[in-house]
Amino acid sequence: MVYSLLSEARAAGKKLLAVLIDPDKARRENLLELAAHANKGEVDVFLWGGSLVNALQAEYFLKLLKDNAKSTPVILFPGSVNQLDEQADALFLLSLISGRNPDMLIGRHVQVAVKVKRMGLETIATGYMLIDGGRPTSVSYMSNTTPIPADKPPIAAATALAGEQLGMKMIYMDAGSGALNPVSGKVIKAVRREVDLPIVVGGGIRTAARAAESLTAGADMVVVGNALEKDVNWLPELAAAVRSVSATAAADNQGSNAQETIDNKLSV
């Protein structure tokens, strides 16, 4: 189960790196390079999807990725009901809780519910939140929704909490593909204080330092897409930054658990 990878990482304080691949921009050479990096342990998860996906070879490219990155799970990150593929390992079942478009909250889910069940895809109920990244994005345009203002952490936190109370298994905060500004550390920290779910953050992450900042603020997994489409050669640097934050967070988590055990024994 793919969700266990996310939930167990969250429990252990481990941080994860996801690479988002837009099938419309996929190239054979780039996919093979990414698969090679994944086989070296530099990628934890692949996300597969985009706002449109017109590529006739989308299924072929997904098979190519799966065949070459054998141990790295591929999760569908669909922009429409037409982007389902049973070759994937799981599906982020996105409910756009930051917007007020009923189609994105439940409508499109109803359209594909039976199809998803028949495909046997593992579904991960995901509270999807758009955060203003400094300019209009494909996601906000296609979903006909307004992102949460970047300077309103309490709104983001309350929205995430509502998602948790509604039964979501994960929170995904996205500034959108090509965002000028990534989701801020203040917003991530505010959400982290309110929810105990795995938190995924993407959009506008173009440097290893920015990825590390998002993880240190409370994200459990960062997603990088556009920046790696342009240059895959900085992936080792990015992976190293994620591993560094992960090691620190895991050590802190072990220390907290050990102290809790001592406190429990003393209170008996």
Protein backbone atom coordinates (compact mmCIF):
# COMPACT_ATOMS: atom_id res chain seq x y z
CA MET A 1 0.00 0.00 0.00
CA VAL A 2 1.41 3.37 -1.07
CA TYR A 3 -0.36 5.30 1.68
CA SER A 4 1.53 3.30 4.30
CA LEU A 5 4.76 4.73 2.85
CA LEU A 6 3.48 8.24 3.54
CA SER A 7 1.94 7.56 6.93
CA GLU A 8 4.90 5.54 8.23
CA ALA A 9 7.31 8.24 7.06
CA ARG A 10 5.21 10.81 8.90
CA ALA A 11 5.25 8.74 12.08
CA ALA A 12 9.04 8.26 11.91
CA GLY A 13 9.83 11.88 11.04
CA LYS A 14 11.22 10.83 7.65
CA LYS A 15 11.01 13.38 4.82
CA LEU A 16 10.23 12.39 1.23
CA LEU A 17 10.91 13.74 -2.25
CA ALA A 18 8.37 13.40 -5.05
CA VAL A 19 9.02 14.20 -8.72
CA LEU A 20 5.99 15.36 -10.70
CA ILE A 21 5.90 14.36 -14.36
CA ASP A 22 3.51 16.03 -16.79
CA PRO A 23 2.77 13.48 -19.56
CA ASP A 24 2.44 16.33 -22.08
CA LYS A 25 6.06 17.28 -21.42
CA ALA A 26 7.47 13.79 -21.00
CA ARG A 27 10.46 12.76 -23.11
CA ARG A 28 11.96 9.30 -23.30
CA GLU A 29 15.47 10.46 -22.39
CA ASN A 30 14.27 12.50 -19.41
CA LEU A 31 12.16 9.62 -18.08
CA LEU A 32 15.07 7.22 -18.30
CA GLU A 33 17.28 9.70 -16.46
CA LEU A 34 14.70 10.15 -13.71
CA ALA A 35 14.28 6.38 -13.41
CA ALA A 36 18.04 5.98 -13.03
CA HIS A 37 18.09 8.57 -10.21
CA ALA A 38 15.16 6.80 -8.55
CA ASN A 39 17.01 3.49 -8.66
CA LYS A 40 19.86 5.21 -6.79
CA GLY A 41 17.42 6.12 -4.03
CA GLU A 42 17.19 9.80 -4.95
CA VAL A 43 13.42 9.81 -5.61
CA ASP A 44 10.85 8.42 -3.18
CA VAL A 45 7.69 8.86 -5.26
CA PHE A 46 6.72 9.80 -8.80
CA LEU A 47 3.54 11.80 -9.36
CA TRP A 48 1.97 11.52 -12.81
CA GLY A 49 -0.46 14.09 -14.21
CA GLY A 50 -1.11 17.59 -15.52
CA SER A 51 -3.80 20.16 -16.14
CA LEU A 52 -4.66 18.94 -19.65
CA VAL A 53 -2.67 15.87 -20.84
CA ASN A 54 -3.16 15.71 -24.58
CA ALA A 55 -0.21 13.39 -25.21
CA LEU A 56 -1.23 10.39 -27.29
CA GLN A 57 1.73 8.50 -25.84
CA ALA A 58 0.84 9.09 -22.17
CA GLU A 59 0.19 5.40 -21.51
CA TYR A 60 3.41 4.42 -23.26
CA PHE A 61 5.44 6.92 -21.25
CA LEU A 62 3.92 5.71 -17.97
CA LYS A 63 4.78 2.11 -18.88
CA LEU A 64 8.32 3.20 -19.73
CA LEU A 65 8.69 4.84 -16.33
CA LYS A 66 7.21 1.87 -14.48
CA ASP A 67 9.44 -0.61 -16.33
CA ASN A 68 12.61 1.33 -15.55
CA ALA A 69 11.95 2.64 -12.02
CA LYS A 70 10.78 -0.68 -10.69
CA SER A 71 10.77 -0.01 -6.94
CA THR A 72 9.56 3.60 -6.93
CA PRO A 73 5.78 3.99 -6.66
CA VAL A 74 3.92 6.07 -9.23
CA ILE A 75 0.87 7.98 -7.97
CA LEU A 76 -1.67 9.53 -10.32
CA PHE A 77 -2.08 13.26 -9.74
CA PRO A 78 -4.95 13.87 -12.17
CA GLY A 79 -6.09 17.17 -13.58
CA SER A 80 -9.23 15.59 -15.06
CA VAL A 81 -11.32 12.42 -15.02
CA ASN A 82 -9.62 11.32 -18.24
CA GLN A 83 -6.23 10.88 -16.60
CA LEU A 84 -6.79 7.51 -14.97
CA ASP A 85 -4.41 4.66 -15.78
CA GLU A 86 -4.42 1.30 -14.03
CA GLN A 87 -0.66 0.97 -14.55
CA ALA A 88 -0.14 3.36 -11.64
CA ASP A 89 0.29 2.19 -8.05
CA ALA A 90 -2.17 4.62 -6.46
CA LEU A 91 -4.36 7.64 -7.05
CA PHE A 92 -4.44 10.92 -5.19
CA LEU A 93 -8.22 11.32 -5.02
CA LEU A 94 -8.17 15.10 -4.93
CA SER A 95 -10.91 17.13 -3.31
CA LEU A 96 -10.23 20.83 -3.89
CA ILE A 97 -11.13 21.97 -0.39
CA SER A 98 -9.69 25.46 -0.86
CA GLY A 99 -12.29 26.25 -3.54
CA ARG A 100 -16.05 26.35 -3.79
CA ASN A 101 -16.48 24.51 -7.07
CA PRO A 102 -18.74 21.50 -6.34
CA ASP A 103 -17.35 19.60 -9.33
CA MET A 104 -13.91 19.63 -7.74
CA LEU A 105 -15.23 18.79 -4.28
CA ILE A 106 -17.35 15.74 -5.20
CA GLY A 107 -18.87 15.98 -8.69
CA ARG A 108 -16.06 14.49 -10.75
CA HIS A 109 -15.39 11.87 -8.12
CA VAL A 110 -18.90 10.51 -8.64
CA GLN A 111 -18.27 10.28 -12.39
CA VAL A 112 -15.26 8.00 -11.98
CA ALA A 113 -16.00 6.15 -8.71
CA VAL A 114 -17.06 2.87 -10.33
CA LYS A 115 -14.24 3.04 -12.88
CA VAL A 116 -11.64 3.57 -10.16
CA LYS A 117 -13.02 0.65 -8.16
CA ARG A 118 -12.90 -1.66 -11.18
CA MET A 119 -9.33 -0.59 -11.93
CA GLY A 120 -8.33 -1.65 -8.44
CA LEU A 121 -6.38 1.55 -7.86
CA GLU A 122 -5.44 2.37 -4.30
CA THR A 123 -7.16 5.66 -3.54
CA ILE A 124 -5.70 8.23 -1.15
CA ALA A 125 -8.32 10.81 -0.14
CA THR A 126 -6.43 14.08 -0.45
CA GLY A 127 -7.48 17.52 0.72
CA TYR A 128 -6.07 19.64 -2.10
CA MET A 129 -5.40 23.30 -1.31
CA LEU A 130 -4.32 25.96 -3.78
CA ILE A 131 -2.17 28.68 -2.23
CA ASP A 132 -1.56 31.92 -4.12
CA GLY A 133 1.86 31.68 -5.75
CA GLY A 134 2.05 35.20 -7.12
CA ARG A 135 0.37 34.73 -10.48
CA PRO A 136 -2.57 32.87 -12.08
CA THR A 137 -1.82 29.19 -12.71
CA SER A 138 -3.25 26.46 -14.92
CA VAL A 139 -4.81 24.78 -11.90
CA SER A 140 -6.75 27.84 -10.75
CA TYR A 141 -7.91 28.53 -14.31
CA MET A 142 -8.97 24.95 -15.08
CA SER A 143 -10.66 24.47 -11.68
CA ASN A 144 -12.37 27.88 -11.74
CA THR A 145 -11.36 28.51 -8.13
CA THR A 146 -9.52 31.22 -6.22
CA PRO A 147 -6.41 30.23 -4.26
CA ILE A 148 -6.03 30.95 -0.55
CA PRO A 149 -4.11 34.23 -0.07
CA ALA A 150 -0.45 33.57 0.68
CA ASP A 151 -0.51 35.97 3.64
CA LYS A 152 -3.43 34.29 5.41
CA PRO A 153 -1.97 31.28 7.30
CA PRO A 154 -5.01 31.01 9.61
CA ILE A 155 -7.32 30.44 6.61
CA ALA A 156 -5.02 27.74 5.28
CA ALA A 157 -4.83 26.10 8.71
CA ALA A 158 -8.60 26.11 9.20
CA THR A 159 -9.15 24.72 5.71
CA ALA A 160 -6.70 21.88 6.32
CA LEU A 161 -8.30 21.14 9.69
CA ALA A 162 -11.72 20.95 8.07
CA GLY A 163 -10.28 18.51 5.56
CA GLU A 164 -8.93 16.33 8.36
CA GLN A 165 -12.27 16.42 10.16
CA LEU A 166 -14.01 15.39 6.93
CA GLY A 167 -11.83 12.28 6.78
CA MET A 168 -9.08 13.24 4.34
CA LYS A 169 -5.95 11.11 4.66
CA MET A 170 -3.53 13.75 3.45
CA ILE A 171 -3.19 17.49 2.84
CA TYR A 172 -1.59 18.72 -0.39
CA MET A 173 -0.76 22.43 -0.58
CA ASP A 174 0.09 23.63 -4.08
CA ALA A 175 1.22 27.04 -5.31
CA GLY A 176 0.74 25.75 -8.85
CA SER A 177 3.06 24.79 -11.67
CA GLY A 178 5.50 27.60 -12.45
CA ALA A 179 4.47 29.66 -9.40
CA LEU A 180 6.52 32.77 -8.75
CA ASN A 181 6.47 32.06 -5.02
CA PRO A 182 6.30 28.69 -3.26
CA VAL A 183 4.03 28.02 -0.31
CA SER A 184 5.57 29.99 2.55
CA GLY A 185 7.04 28.51 5.69
CA LYS A 186 4.49 30.46 7.76
CA VAL A 187 1.59 28.79 5.96
CA ILE A 188 3.16 25.33 6.28
CA LYS A 189 3.83 25.83 10.00
CA ALA A 190 0.26 27.02 10.59
CA VAL A 191 -1.17 23.94 8.90
CA ARG A 192 1.26 21.62 10.67
CA ARG A 193 0.12 22.94 14.06
CA GLU A 194 -3.51 22.09 13.29
CA VAL A 195 -3.37 18.70 11.55
CA ASP A 196 -1.64 15.40 12.18
CA LEU A 197 -1.92 14.17 8.59
CA PRO A 198 0.92 13.81 6.09
CA ILE A 199 1.46 17.20 4.44
CA VAL A 200 2.66 17.47 0.85
CA VAL A 201 3.86 20.79 -0.59
CA GLY A 202 4.56 21.66 -4.22
CA GLY A 203 4.74 24.51 -6.69
CA GLY A 204 7.56 26.99 -7.18
CA ILE A 205 10.28 24.88 -5.52
CA ARG A 206 13.34 25.58 -7.66
CA THR A 207 16.24 25.13 -5.25
CA ALA A 208 17.41 22.54 -2.76
CA ALA A 209 17.40 25.21 -0.05
CA ARG A 210 13.74 26.01 -0.72
CA ALA A 211 12.83 22.32 -0.52
CA ALA A 212 14.67 22.02 2.79
CA GLU A 213 12.87 25.09 4.13
CA SER A 214 9.46 23.62 3.30
CA LEU A 215 10.34 20.33 4.99
CA THR A 216 11.77 22.03 8.07
CA ALA A 217 8.57 24.10 8.36
CA GLY A 218 6.53 20.91 8.64
CA ALA A 219 5.97 19.37 5.20
CA ASP A 220 6.44 15.60 5.04
CA MET A 221 6.99 15.49 1.29
CA VAL A 222 7.98 18.11 -1.27
CA VAL A 223 7.07 17.92 -4.94
CA VAL A 224 9.30 19.26 -7.72
CA GLY A 225 8.30 19.26 -11.37
CA ASN A 226 9.07 22.16 -13.71
CA ALA A 227 12.57 22.73 -12.38
CA LEU A 228 13.56 19.13 -13.12
CA GLU A 229 12.01 19.22 -16.58
CA LYS A 230 14.48 21.98 -17.39
CA ASP A 231 17.51 20.41 -15.71
CA VAL A 232 17.54 16.97 -14.11
CA ASN A 233 21.20 17.31 -13.14
CA TRP A 234 20.43 19.09 -9.86
CA LEU A 235 18.34 16.15 -8.60
CA PRO A 236 21.23 14.68 -6.54
CA GLU A 237 21.67 18.03 -4.76
CA LEU A 238 17.93 18.21 -4.12
CA ALA A 239 17.82 14.63 -2.83
CA ALA A 240 20.78 15.30 -0.53
CA ALA A 241 19.01 18.31 0.98
CA VAL A 242 15.88 16.25 1.62
CA ARG A 243 17.92 13.46 3.23
CA SER A 244 19.72 15.95 5.46
CA VAL A 245 16.48 17.42 6.80
CA SER A 246 15.06 13.91 7.10
CA ALA A 247 17.97 12.71 9.23
CA THR A 248 17.60 15.65 11.60
CA ALA A 249 13.83 15.25 11.84
CA ALA A 250 14.07 11.50 12.43
CA ALA A 251 16.63 12.02 15.21
CA ASP A 252 14.41 14.64 16.83
CA ASN A 253 11.46 12.28 16.56
CA GLN A 254 13.37 9.45 18.24
CA GLY A 255 14.44 11.81 21.00
CA SER A 256 10.86 12.94 21.58
CA ASN A 257 9.63 9.33 21.70
CA ALA A 258 12.37 8.36 24.16
CA GLN A 259 11.53 11.31 26.42
CA GLU A 260 7.84 10.41 26.26
CA THR A 261 8.65 6.85 27.32
CA ILE A 262 10.68 8.11 30.28
CA ASP A 263 7.91 10.50 31.30
CA ASN A 264 5.35 7.69 31.15
CA LYS A 265 7.47 5.45 33.34
CA LEU A 266 8.00 8.21 35.90
CA SER A 267 4.28 8.87 36.09
CA VAL A 268 3.41 5.27 36.87
